[in-house]
Amino acid sequence: MPAISVPKLRAAAALAVIAGLSAFAMTAAPVRAMPSSIDDPPPQASNSDFTNAKAAIAKQDWPGAIALLKKVTAREPNNPEAFNLLGYATRKSGDPQGALQYYQTALQLDPKHLGANEYIGEAYLQLGDLAKAEEHLKRLDELCTFGCREQAELKEAIEAFKRKPKSS
């Protein structure tokens, strides 16, 4: 029997692994987020108020988004994304001070929430608090080892804030 060369053996092994992984991927059941108890609300993907709030945000309908997100957060007090978006809509409606409470709640629920860290930093910039914004940029620097959109956007906002002429 002729000897099989090492490169051909490696190629055959790699194909076998790929075939095995492909077969597994086709037969594996999808993983779904399940409520931790029967009393928990369904995942946010099935929440029409949450979906409608995101659509309102896309249309820049801040009052509509705020009303819907307040309903969502009342039903889902442990949903950091709902609190983050409530903060976002509140800030975009012209109330950065009012937005802080929602971002802080989102970060209490999920200290690693990238969007909440970015957006609270932007709210602090609107309020003129560069030091607080830089604290959240530092947090994003820690969370985004290889960089992320939220880190880049907050960094850009901080740089623009620093370039802005100071009013007397």
N, C-alpha and C. Protein backbone atom coordinates (compact mmCIF):
# COMPACT_ATOMS: atom_id res chain seq x y z
N MET A 1 0.86 -1.17 0.00
CA MET A 1 0.00 0.00 0.00
C MET A 1 0.90 1.23 0.00
N PRO A 2 0.68 2.19 -0.92
CA PRO A 2 1.54 3.37 -0.99
C PRO A 2 1.30 4.27 0.21
N ALA A 3 2.33 4.98 0.64
CA ALA A 3 2.26 5.90 1.77
C ALA A 3 1.54 7.18 1.35
N ILE A 4 0.73 7.69 2.25
CA ILE A 4 0.01 8.95 2.00
C ILE A 4 0.89 10.09 2.52
N SER A 5 1.04 11.10 1.70
CA SER A 5 1.89 12.22 2.12
C SER A 5 1.22 12.99 3.26
N VAL A 6 2.03 13.65 4.07
CA VAL A 6 1.53 14.41 5.21
C VAL A 6 0.57 15.51 4.78
N PRO A 7 0.87 16.30 3.74
CA PRO A 7 -0.09 17.34 3.32
C PRO A 7 -1.44 16.76 2.93
N LYS A 8 -1.43 15.60 2.22
CA LYS A 8 -2.71 14.99 1.83
C LYS A 8 -3.46 14.48 3.05
N LEU A 9 -2.75 13.96 4.03
CA LEU A 9 -3.36 13.48 5.27
C LEU A 9 -3.99 14.64 6.03
N ARG A 10 -3.27 15.76 6.10
CA ARG A 10 -3.81 16.94 6.79
C ARG A 10 -5.05 17.45 6.08
N ALA A 11 -5.04 17.49 4.75
CA ALA A 11 -6.18 17.96 3.98
C ALA A 11 -7.39 17.05 4.21
N ALA A 12 -7.17 15.74 4.23
CA ALA A 12 -8.26 14.80 4.46
C ALA A 12 -8.83 14.98 5.87
N ALA A 13 -7.97 15.19 6.85
CA ALA A 13 -8.43 15.40 8.22
C ALA A 13 -9.24 16.68 8.33
N ALA A 14 -8.77 17.74 7.68
CA ALA A 14 -9.48 19.01 7.71
C ALA A 14 -10.86 18.87 7.08
N LEU A 15 -10.96 18.17 5.95
CA LEU A 15 -12.25 17.95 5.30
C LEU A 15 -13.19 17.15 6.20
N ALA A 16 -12.66 16.17 6.91
CA ALA A 16 -13.48 15.37 7.81
C ALA A 16 -14.03 16.22 8.95
N VAL A 17 -13.20 17.09 9.49
CA VAL A 17 -13.65 17.98 10.56
C VAL A 17 -14.73 18.92 10.05
N ILE A 18 -14.52 19.52 8.87
CA ILE A 18 -15.50 20.44 8.30
C ILE A 18 -16.81 19.71 8.04
N ALA A 19 -16.75 18.50 7.50
CA ALA A 19 -17.96 17.73 7.23
C ALA A 19 -18.69 17.42 8.53
N GLY A 20 -17.96 17.08 9.55
CA GLY A 20 -18.58 16.78 10.84
C GLY A 20 -19.25 18.00 11.44
N LEU A 21 -18.58 19.15 11.37
CA LEU A 21 -19.16 20.38 11.89
C LEU A 21 -20.39 20.79 11.10
N SER A 22 -20.33 20.62 9.79
CA SER A 22 -21.48 20.97 8.96
C SER A 22 -22.67 20.10 9.30
N ALA A 23 -22.44 18.79 9.47
CA ALA A 23 -23.53 17.88 9.82
C ALA A 23 -24.12 18.25 11.17
N PHE A 24 -23.25 18.62 12.13
CA PHE A 24 -23.73 19.03 13.45
C PHE A 24 -24.55 20.30 13.36
N ALA A 25 -24.08 21.27 12.59
CA ALA A 25 -24.78 22.55 12.48
C ALA A 25 -26.16 22.37 11.87
N MET A 26 -26.31 21.41 10.94
CA MET A 26 -27.61 21.20 10.31
C MET A 26 -28.59 20.48 11.23
N THR A 27 -28.08 19.72 12.19
CA THR A 27 -28.98 18.97 13.05
C THR A 27 -29.19 19.61 14.41
N ALA A 28 -28.33 20.57 14.79
CA ALA A 28 -28.44 21.19 16.11
C ALA A 28 -29.69 22.06 16.17
N ALA A 29 -30.39 21.97 17.27
CA ALA A 29 -31.59 22.79 17.47
C ALA A 29 -31.16 24.22 17.78
N PRO A 30 -31.89 25.21 17.27
CA PRO A 30 -31.53 26.60 17.58
C PRO A 30 -31.73 26.88 19.07
N VAL A 31 -30.87 27.71 19.60
CA VAL A 31 -30.97 28.09 21.01
C VAL A 31 -31.88 29.29 21.10
N ARG A 32 -32.86 29.23 21.99
CA ARG A 32 -33.79 30.33 22.16
C ARG A 32 -33.69 30.84 23.60
N ALA A 33 -33.85 32.14 23.74
CA ALA A 33 -33.86 32.72 25.09
C ALA A 33 -35.17 32.33 25.75
N MET A 34 -35.08 31.74 26.91
CA MET A 34 -36.27 31.32 27.64
C MET A 34 -36.40 32.13 28.91
N PRO A 35 -37.61 32.49 29.29
CA PRO A 35 -37.78 33.17 30.56
C PRO A 35 -37.27 32.28 31.70
N SER A 36 -36.72 32.91 32.73
CA SER A 36 -36.17 32.13 33.83
C SER A 36 -37.28 31.57 34.73
N SER A 37 -38.47 32.13 34.65
CA SER A 37 -39.60 31.56 35.37
C SER A 37 -40.86 31.82 34.56
N ILE A 38 -41.90 31.17 34.94
CA ILE A 38 -43.16 31.28 34.21
C ILE A 38 -43.72 32.70 34.29
N ASP A 39 -43.34 33.46 35.34
CA ASP A 39 -43.84 34.82 35.53
C ASP A 39 -43.07 35.87 34.75
N ASP A 40 -41.90 35.52 34.23
CA ASP A 40 -41.09 36.49 33.49
C ASP A 40 -41.77 36.83 32.18
N PRO A 41 -41.60 38.08 31.73
CA PRO A 41 -42.18 38.44 30.44
C PRO A 41 -41.44 37.72 29.31
N PRO A 42 -42.09 37.61 28.17
CA PRO A 42 -41.42 36.97 27.04
C PRO A 42 -40.24 37.81 26.60
N PRO A 43 -39.30 37.22 25.85
CA PRO A 43 -38.16 37.99 25.35
C PRO A 43 -38.64 39.21 24.57
N GLN A 44 -37.84 40.27 24.56
CA GLN A 44 -38.25 41.53 23.98
C GLN A 44 -38.58 41.44 22.49
N ALA A 45 -38.05 40.46 21.80
CA ALA A 45 -38.32 40.34 20.37
C ALA A 45 -39.81 40.17 20.10
N SER A 46 -40.56 39.57 21.05
CA SER A 46 -41.98 39.37 20.84
C SER A 46 -42.82 40.48 21.47
N ASN A 47 -42.18 41.52 21.99
CA ASN A 47 -42.87 42.61 22.65
C ASN A 47 -43.20 43.68 21.63
N SER A 48 -44.48 43.84 21.31
CA SER A 48 -44.85 44.80 20.26
C SER A 48 -44.57 46.24 20.69
N ASP A 49 -44.71 46.57 21.99
CA ASP A 49 -44.39 47.93 22.43
C ASP A 49 -42.92 48.24 22.19
N PHE A 50 -42.06 47.27 22.48
CA PHE A 50 -40.62 47.47 22.26
C PHE A 50 -40.33 47.65 20.78
N THR A 51 -40.91 46.81 19.96
CA THR A 51 -40.73 46.89 18.50
C THR A 51 -41.25 48.22 17.98
N ASN A 52 -42.42 48.64 18.45
CA ASN A 52 -43.00 49.90 18.00
C ASN A 52 -42.18 51.09 18.49
N ALA A 53 -41.59 50.98 19.68
CA ALA A 53 -40.74 52.05 20.20
C ALA A 53 -39.51 52.21 19.32
N LYS A 54 -38.92 51.10 18.91
CA LYS A 54 -37.75 51.18 18.03
C LYS A 54 -38.13 51.82 16.69
N ALA A 55 -39.32 51.52 16.20
CA ALA A 55 -39.79 52.15 14.96
C ALA A 55 -40.00 53.65 15.17
N ALA A 56 -40.52 54.02 16.33
CA ALA A 56 -40.72 55.44 16.64
C ALA A 56 -39.37 56.16 16.72
N ILE A 57 -38.38 55.51 17.30
CA ILE A 57 -37.04 56.10 17.37
C ILE A 57 -36.49 56.29 15.95
N ALA A 58 -36.69 55.32 15.10
CA ALA A 58 -36.20 55.42 13.72
C ALA A 58 -36.85 56.61 13.00
N LYS A 59 -38.09 56.94 13.37
CA LYS A 59 -38.79 58.09 12.77
C LYS A 59 -38.54 59.38 13.56
N GLN A 60 -37.72 59.29 14.60
CA GLN A 60 -37.43 60.42 15.49
C GLN A 60 -38.69 60.95 16.17
N ASP A 61 -39.61 60.05 16.45
CA ASP A 61 -40.83 60.37 17.20
C ASP A 61 -40.51 60.14 18.67
N TRP A 62 -39.81 61.10 19.26
CA TRP A 62 -39.32 60.93 20.63
C TRP A 62 -40.45 60.78 21.64
N PRO A 63 -41.52 61.61 21.60
CA PRO A 63 -42.60 61.42 22.58
C PRO A 63 -43.27 60.04 22.45
N GLY A 64 -43.47 59.59 21.22
CA GLY A 64 -44.07 58.27 21.01
C GLY A 64 -43.19 57.16 21.55
N ALA A 65 -41.89 57.26 21.27
CA ALA A 65 -40.94 56.25 21.76
C ALA A 65 -40.90 56.25 23.28
N ILE A 66 -40.87 57.43 23.88
CA ILE A 66 -40.81 57.53 25.35
C ILE A 66 -42.03 56.87 25.97
N ALA A 67 -43.22 57.17 25.44
CA ALA A 67 -44.45 56.59 26.00
C ALA A 67 -44.42 55.07 25.92
N LEU A 68 -44.01 54.53 24.78
CA LEU A 68 -43.97 53.08 24.61
C LEU A 68 -42.90 52.46 25.52
N LEU A 69 -41.73 53.09 25.60
CA LEU A 69 -40.64 52.52 26.41
C LEU A 69 -40.94 52.59 27.90
N LYS A 70 -41.71 53.57 28.32
CA LYS A 70 -42.13 53.61 29.74
C LYS A 70 -43.04 52.42 30.04
N LYS A 71 -43.88 52.05 29.08
CA LYS A 71 -44.72 50.86 29.27
C LYS A 71 -43.85 49.60 29.33
N VAL A 72 -42.85 49.53 28.45
CA VAL A 72 -41.97 48.36 28.42
C VAL A 72 -41.21 48.23 29.74
N THR A 73 -40.62 49.34 30.21
CA THR A 73 -39.82 49.27 31.44
C THR A 73 -40.70 48.99 32.66
N ALA A 74 -41.96 49.40 32.63
CA ALA A 74 -42.86 49.07 33.74
C ALA A 74 -43.12 47.56 33.77
N ARG A 75 -43.26 46.96 32.59
CA ARG A 75 -43.51 45.51 32.49
C ARG A 75 -42.22 44.71 32.64
N GLU A 76 -41.11 45.29 32.19
CA GLU A 76 -39.83 44.58 32.17
C GLU A 76 -38.77 45.41 32.90
N PRO A 77 -38.85 45.46 34.23
CA PRO A 77 -37.92 46.31 34.99
C PRO A 77 -36.48 45.82 34.98
N ASN A 78 -36.22 44.67 34.40
CA ASN A 78 -34.85 44.14 34.31
C ASN A 78 -34.33 44.11 32.88
N ASN A 79 -34.88 44.97 32.02
CA ASN A 79 -34.51 45.00 30.61
C ASN A 79 -33.59 46.20 30.37
N PRO A 80 -32.26 46.00 30.39
CA PRO A 80 -31.36 47.14 30.24
C PRO A 80 -31.49 47.83 28.89
N GLU A 81 -31.80 47.11 27.84
CA GLU A 81 -31.91 47.73 26.52
C GLU A 81 -33.11 48.67 26.47
N ALA A 82 -34.20 48.32 27.13
CA ALA A 82 -35.37 49.20 27.16
C ALA A 82 -35.03 50.50 27.91
N PHE A 83 -34.31 50.38 29.02
CA PHE A 83 -33.91 51.59 29.76
C PHE A 83 -32.91 52.42 28.95
N ASN A 84 -32.00 51.76 28.24
CA ASN A 84 -31.04 52.47 27.40
C ASN A 84 -31.77 53.26 26.32
N LEU A 85 -32.72 52.62 25.64
CA LEU A 85 -33.45 53.32 24.59
C LEU A 85 -34.35 54.42 25.15
N LEU A 86 -34.88 54.21 26.36
CA LEU A 86 -35.67 55.27 27.01
C LEU A 86 -34.78 56.48 27.29
N GLY A 87 -33.57 56.22 27.74
CA GLY A 87 -32.62 57.31 27.94
C GLY A 87 -32.29 58.01 26.63
N TYR A 88 -32.08 57.23 25.58
CA TYR A 88 -31.75 57.78 24.27
C TYR A 88 -32.87 58.69 23.77
N ALA A 89 -34.11 58.20 23.82
CA ALA A 89 -35.25 58.99 23.33
C ALA A 89 -35.43 60.25 24.19
N THR A 90 -35.23 60.12 25.48
CA THR A 90 -35.35 61.27 26.39
C THR A 90 -34.28 62.30 26.07
N ARG A 91 -33.06 61.85 25.87
CA ARG A 91 -31.95 62.77 25.54
C ARG A 91 -32.21 63.45 24.20
N LYS A 92 -32.61 62.66 23.20
CA LYS A 92 -32.85 63.22 21.88
C LYS A 92 -34.04 64.19 21.87
N SER A 93 -34.95 64.04 22.83
CA SER A 93 -36.08 64.96 22.92
C SER A 93 -35.67 66.30 23.53
N GLY A 94 -34.40 66.40 23.95
CA GLY A 94 -33.90 67.66 24.49
C GLY A 94 -33.72 67.66 26.00
N ASP A 95 -33.77 66.50 26.63
CA ASP A 95 -33.66 66.42 28.08
C ASP A 95 -32.50 65.50 28.50
N PRO A 96 -31.25 65.94 28.30
CA PRO A 96 -30.13 65.08 28.69
C PRO A 96 -30.07 64.81 30.19
N GLN A 97 -30.49 65.77 31.00
CA GLN A 97 -30.49 65.55 32.45
C GLN A 97 -31.49 64.44 32.82
N GLY A 98 -32.66 64.48 32.22
CA GLY A 98 -33.67 63.45 32.48
C GLY A 98 -33.26 62.08 31.98
N ALA A 99 -32.43 62.05 30.95
CA ALA A 99 -31.99 60.77 30.38
C ALA A 99 -31.05 60.02 31.31
N LEU A 100 -30.31 60.75 32.14
CA LEU A 100 -29.29 60.12 32.99
C LEU A 100 -29.86 58.99 33.84
N GLN A 101 -31.04 59.19 34.43
CA GLN A 101 -31.61 58.16 35.30
C GLN A 101 -31.85 56.85 34.55
N TYR A 102 -32.25 56.94 33.29
CA TYR A 102 -32.52 55.74 32.51
C TYR A 102 -31.23 55.02 32.13
N TYR A 103 -30.22 55.80 31.73
CA TYR A 103 -28.93 55.19 31.43
C TYR A 103 -28.33 54.55 32.68
N GLN A 104 -28.46 55.23 33.81
CA GLN A 104 -27.91 54.67 35.05
C GLN A 104 -28.60 53.37 35.41
N THR A 105 -29.91 53.29 35.22
CA THR A 105 -30.63 52.04 35.48
C THR A 105 -30.14 50.95 34.53
N ALA A 106 -29.99 51.28 33.24
CA ALA A 106 -29.48 50.30 32.27
C ALA A 106 -28.12 49.78 32.71
N LEU A 107 -27.26 50.68 33.19
CA LEU A 107 -25.91 50.27 33.60
C LEU A 107 -25.90 49.53 34.93
N GLN A 108 -26.88 49.78 35.78
CA GLN A 108 -27.00 48.97 37.00
C GLN A 108 -27.40 47.56 36.64
N LEU A 109 -28.28 47.42 35.65
CA LEU A 109 -28.72 46.10 35.21
C LEU A 109 -27.63 45.37 34.42
N ASP A 110 -26.87 46.13 33.63
CA ASP A 110 -25.81 45.55 32.79
C ASP A 110 -24.66 46.54 32.67
N PRO A 111 -23.70 46.49 33.61
CA PRO A 111 -22.58 47.44 33.59
C PRO A 111 -21.75 47.39 32.31
N LYS A 112 -21.87 46.32 31.55
CA LYS A 112 -21.09 46.18 30.31
C LYS A 112 -21.89 46.60 29.07
N HIS A 113 -23.04 47.20 29.27
CA HIS A 113 -23.89 47.60 28.14
C HIS A 113 -23.17 48.69 27.36
N LEU A 114 -22.75 48.36 26.15
CA LEU A 114 -21.96 49.29 25.34
C LEU A 114 -22.73 50.55 24.97
N GLY A 115 -23.96 50.37 24.52
CA GLY A 115 -24.77 51.53 24.11
C GLY A 115 -25.03 52.48 25.27
N ALA A 116 -25.36 51.95 26.42
CA ALA A 116 -25.64 52.81 27.58
C ALA A 116 -24.39 53.57 28.00
N ASN A 117 -23.23 52.93 27.93
CA ASN A 117 -21.99 53.63 28.27
C ASN A 117 -21.70 54.74 27.27
N GLU A 118 -21.95 54.49 26.00
CA GLU A 118 -21.74 55.54 24.99
C GLU A 118 -22.72 56.69 25.20
N TYR A 119 -24.00 56.35 25.29
CA TYR A 119 -25.03 57.38 25.33
C TYR A 119 -25.00 58.21 26.60
N ILE A 120 -24.68 57.61 27.74
CA ILE A 120 -24.59 58.41 28.96
C ILE A 120 -23.40 59.37 28.84
N GLY A 121 -22.33 58.92 28.19
CA GLY A 121 -21.21 59.82 27.94
C GLY A 121 -21.62 61.00 27.08
N GLU A 122 -22.42 60.75 26.07
CA GLU A 122 -22.90 61.84 25.21
C GLU A 122 -23.83 62.77 25.98
N ALA A 123 -24.65 62.22 26.86
CA ALA A 123 -25.53 63.06 27.69
C ALA A 123 -24.69 63.96 28.59
N TYR A 124 -23.64 63.39 29.19
CA TYR A 124 -22.76 64.21 30.03
C TYR A 124 -22.11 65.33 29.22
N LEU A 125 -21.74 65.05 27.98
CA LEU A 125 -21.18 66.11 27.14
C LEU A 125 -22.20 67.22 26.90
N GLN A 126 -23.45 66.85 26.65
CA GLN A 126 -24.49 67.86 26.46
C GLN A 126 -24.65 68.71 27.71
N LEU A 127 -24.38 68.13 28.86
CA LEU A 127 -24.49 68.85 30.13
C LEU A 127 -23.19 69.56 30.50
N GLY A 128 -22.16 69.42 29.64
CA GLY A 128 -20.89 70.09 29.87
C GLY A 128 -19.96 69.38 30.84
N ASP A 129 -20.23 68.11 31.14
CA ASP A 129 -19.42 67.36 32.10
C ASP A 129 -18.45 66.43 31.36
N LEU A 130 -17.34 67.00 30.92
CA LEU A 130 -16.34 66.25 30.16
C LEU A 130 -15.75 65.11 30.98
N ALA A 131 -15.48 65.35 32.26
CA ALA A 131 -14.86 64.31 33.10
C ALA A 131 -15.73 63.06 33.17
N LYS A 132 -17.04 63.23 33.34
CA LYS A 132 -17.94 62.07 33.41
C LYS A 132 -17.99 61.34 32.06
N ALA A 133 -17.99 62.10 30.98
CA ALA A 133 -17.99 61.48 29.64
C ALA A 133 -16.72 60.67 29.45
N GLU A 134 -15.59 61.20 29.90
CA GLU A 134 -14.32 60.49 29.76
C GLU A 134 -14.29 59.24 30.63
N GLU A 135 -14.98 59.23 31.76
CA GLU A 135 -15.08 58.02 32.59
C GLU A 135 -15.73 56.89 31.79
N HIS A 136 -16.77 57.24 31.04
CA HIS A 136 -17.47 56.21 30.26
C HIS A 136 -16.67 55.80 29.04
N LEU A 137 -15.88 56.72 28.49
CA LEU A 137 -14.98 56.32 27.40
C LEU A 137 -13.95 55.35 27.93
N LYS A 138 -13.43 55.61 29.11
CA LYS A 138 -12.45 54.69 29.72
C LYS A 138 -13.09 53.31 29.92
N ARG A 139 -14.34 53.28 30.36
CA ARG A 139 -15.05 52.01 30.54
C ARG A 139 -15.18 51.29 29.20
N LEU A 140 -15.52 52.03 28.16
CA LEU A 140 -15.62 51.41 26.83
C LEU A 140 -14.26 50.93 26.35
N ASP A 141 -13.19 51.66 26.68
CA ASP A 141 -11.84 51.20 26.33
C ASP A 141 -11.57 49.84 26.94
N GLU A 142 -12.04 49.65 28.18
CA GLU A 142 -11.85 48.36 28.87
C GLU A 142 -12.72 47.26 28.26
N LEU A 143 -13.94 47.61 27.89
CA LEU A 143 -14.89 46.62 27.38
C LEU A 143 -14.60 46.23 25.92
N CYS A 144 -14.09 47.17 25.14
CA CYS A 144 -13.89 46.96 23.71
C CYS A 144 -12.40 46.76 23.43
N THR A 145 -11.91 45.60 23.77
CA THR A 145 -10.49 45.30 23.64
C THR A 145 -9.95 45.63 22.26
N PHE A 146 -10.69 45.30 21.24
CA PHE A 146 -10.24 45.53 19.87
C PHE A 146 -11.01 46.67 19.22
N GLY A 147 -11.62 47.51 20.04
CA GLY A 147 -12.40 48.63 19.53
C GLY A 147 -13.82 48.21 19.20
N CYS A 148 -14.71 49.17 19.27
CA CYS A 148 -16.11 48.94 18.90
C CYS A 148 -16.71 50.27 18.47
N ARG A 149 -17.84 50.20 17.83
CA ARG A 149 -18.52 51.39 17.30
C ARG A 149 -18.84 52.37 18.42
N GLU A 150 -19.34 51.89 19.56
CA GLU A 150 -19.73 52.76 20.66
C GLU A 150 -18.52 53.53 21.20
N GLN A 151 -17.41 52.85 21.32
CA GLN A 151 -16.17 53.47 21.80
C GLN A 151 -15.72 54.56 20.82
N ALA A 152 -15.71 54.24 19.53
CA ALA A 152 -15.28 55.19 18.52
C ALA A 152 -16.19 56.41 18.48
N GLU A 153 -17.50 56.20 18.60
CA GLU A 153 -18.43 57.33 18.52
C GLU A 153 -18.33 58.24 19.74
N LEU A 154 -18.15 57.66 20.94
CA LEU A 154 -17.99 58.51 22.13
C LEU A 154 -16.66 59.25 22.06
N LYS A 155 -15.64 58.58 21.61
CA LYS A 155 -14.33 59.24 21.48
C LYS A 155 -14.43 60.41 20.52
N GLU A 156 -15.10 60.22 19.40
CA GLU A 156 -15.29 61.29 18.42
C GLU A 156 -16.10 62.44 19.02
N ALA A 157 -17.14 62.13 19.78
CA ALA A 157 -17.96 63.17 20.41
C ALA A 157 -17.14 63.97 21.43
N ILE A 158 -16.28 63.28 22.18
CA ILE A 158 -15.42 63.95 23.16
C ILE A 158 -14.43 64.87 22.45
N GLU A 159 -13.84 64.39 21.37
CA GLU A 159 -12.89 65.21 20.62
C GLU A 159 -13.58 66.45 20.05
N ALA A 160 -14.80 66.29 19.53
CA ALA A 160 -15.55 67.42 19.00
C ALA A 160 -15.89 68.40 20.13
N PHE A 161 -16.24 67.89 21.29
CA PHE A 161 -16.54 68.74 22.45
C PHE A 161 -15.32 69.57 22.83
N LYS A 162 -14.14 68.95 22.81
CA LYS A 162 -12.91 69.64 23.18
C LYS A 162 -12.54 70.72 22.16
N ARG A 163 -12.89 70.50 20.88
CA ARG A 163 -12.57 71.48 19.84
C ARG A 163 -13.53 72.67 19.84
N LYS A 164 -14.71 72.46 20.42
CA LYS A 164 -15.73 73.50 20.42
C LYS A 164 -15.25 74.70 21.23
N PRO A 165 -15.40 75.91 20.68
CA PRO A 165 -14.98 77.08 21.45
C PRO A 165 -15.79 77.22 22.73
N LYS A 166 -15.12 77.59 23.78
CA LYS A 166 -15.76 77.77 25.08
C LYS A 166 -16.50 79.12 25.09
N SER A 167 -17.73 79.10 25.54
CA SER A 167 -18.48 80.36 25.66
C SER A 167 -18.21 80.96 27.04
N SER A 168 -18.16 82.27 27.10
CA SER A 168 -17.84 82.90 28.37
C SER A 168 -19.03 83.32 29.15
